[in-house]
Amino acid sequence: MSRPPESRRRRGRPTTGPAAPPVANRRERPTLARRVALRVLDRVERSGAYADLALHAALRQEDMHAGDRALATELVYGTLRWRGRLDYLLGHLVDRPLTDLEPIVRSLLRLGAYQIVFLDRVPAATAVDQTVRSARAAGVERAAGLANAVLRRLAREHASIPFPSLEDDPVGHVTHALSLPEWLAATWVEQLGAAEAASLARSLNGVPPLTVRVNRQRATREELLDELRGRFPEAEAAPYAPDAILLGHAGPPGTDPAFREGRFTVQDEASQLVVFALGAEPGQRVLDVCAAPGTKATALAEAVGPSGSVLALDRHARRLDLVARDARRLGLDWLSARVYDATGDLAPVAPARSFDRVLVDAPCSGLGTLRRNPDARWRVRPEDFESLASIQLALLERAAATLRPGGALVYSTCTLSPEENEAVVRAFLAGGSGFRVAARETHPGAVRPLLDGDGFLRCWPHRHGTDGFFAARLERNP
């Protein structure tokens, strides 16, 4: 799970943006895709809304053609992904700090700037005109002149504005040219070196391919791949996870017949490898203590088959509903879901030493998934790591008590921060847990090429083309 608990999600009281006043001449309105994009960006900027949830809600409210939906999605994610670079360019052209502008004006300027700098198919004049119209439609007529002047200058001058060089100012380059917050750029430059930090940042600014997992209860990868190539021309077997298929960047998978029939699930390859690291086998009893939205829980159920069982726990009832819904679609009757906070005593729902396999996919900062959740880079703060690590360690300690002798437990996150990964595992082992890191030879074969020298699974976007994930397979000492 990449998101922290509900209580940590918002850093202030949510606010509502200004209501759009009636526009007498509908021809003066911006396009619907741009209105939707601005509405979502304003919610993210003002109240820390999650971009994916806000965008999904906004698209659901509008009757939009597929092309408009695609453009709105591109505008939202692209603007958030490249916000740091856009702010650097705009900072050269605006006569005051961007932080002094109203939130919606910042969002307007970024939205227009993204189209000018990154969308070759949108003429600069169109981007300027649409941004001015968006200002008026959003009730900030006073910003229309500013937007017009700044974006016209941007169209003329952005190519000549220099960025800090990687050689002379690596932190400045990763911050401003590659669009990361300065604290994160500095952290990765120190941990990885300038060249690899830049490579990681570049990879996190890319659009990830669509990756799916075959439901081994209903198909083999070869069978499904042959079928899907007719509808997804780029489809190919993924290099690491045995059940993974890369579909490329084609259309939405949710309307595909094979998806509706429960023969595949959308899941990144690194996320699939976490499940393989656990090594669940047919007939085993498995516990997933942080299960929502359920991609790993359903993968575990597919692995153990109808002779086994999976208990999926999560503290959020609405998100746990997604687990049950997917289990029905995939035909996994042996997966049961229950609302429960796994930081507390698990004995009432998961007796001690009663499970063959346990997965602790802990809530985390999500820094490994910035390709999919670009807004996370602007939400996470370095001070978050300590409180997240406290929750992660509590989850690990509680879950460990449910593992039987001879079983295996996997602790995983979709982040790249050592404070949430190896530091948590080492604190757990140092606390007299009676566990050890599993030997390399006990890991499933698909995982071994990705193990580091400490025996931890590490997936990197710039090295492996996957989301960033960490996993530690732990075993109880005899």
Foldseek 3Di string as FASTA:
>chain_A
DAADDPVPQWDDDQDAAAAFDDDPDPVLAFDPLVLLLLRLQLRCQRIVDFSVVSLVVSVVVDDDDPVSNVSSVCLNLLLLQQVQQQLVLLVVQDPDRPVPDDSSLSSLLSSLLSCLPPPPVQDLVNSLSSSLSSCNRSPNNVCSVVSNVSSVVCNVPVVPDDFDDLVPCLLRCCRHVLPFPSVVSVVCCVVPNSVVSSLQSNLLSDAAFWKKFFLVVVDAQVVVQVVCCVVQVVWDAADFQRRMITSGHDDDPCPPPCVQQQGMGTDWPVLNVLLLQQVQAAQFEEEEAAAFLHPSQSVNLSHNDPNYAYEYEHQDPVRQVNNVVSCVSNVRPRYHYDHDHLLDACCVPFNFQAGQEYEYAAHHLLALNCSPRVSSSVVDDPVVLVVSLVSLLSNVLNRLRRHHAPHKYKYKYLHDDCSNAVVSVVVCVVVVSQKDFDDLVVGPPSQNVQADPRRKGFDGCSPRVTGTMIMTMMHGHD
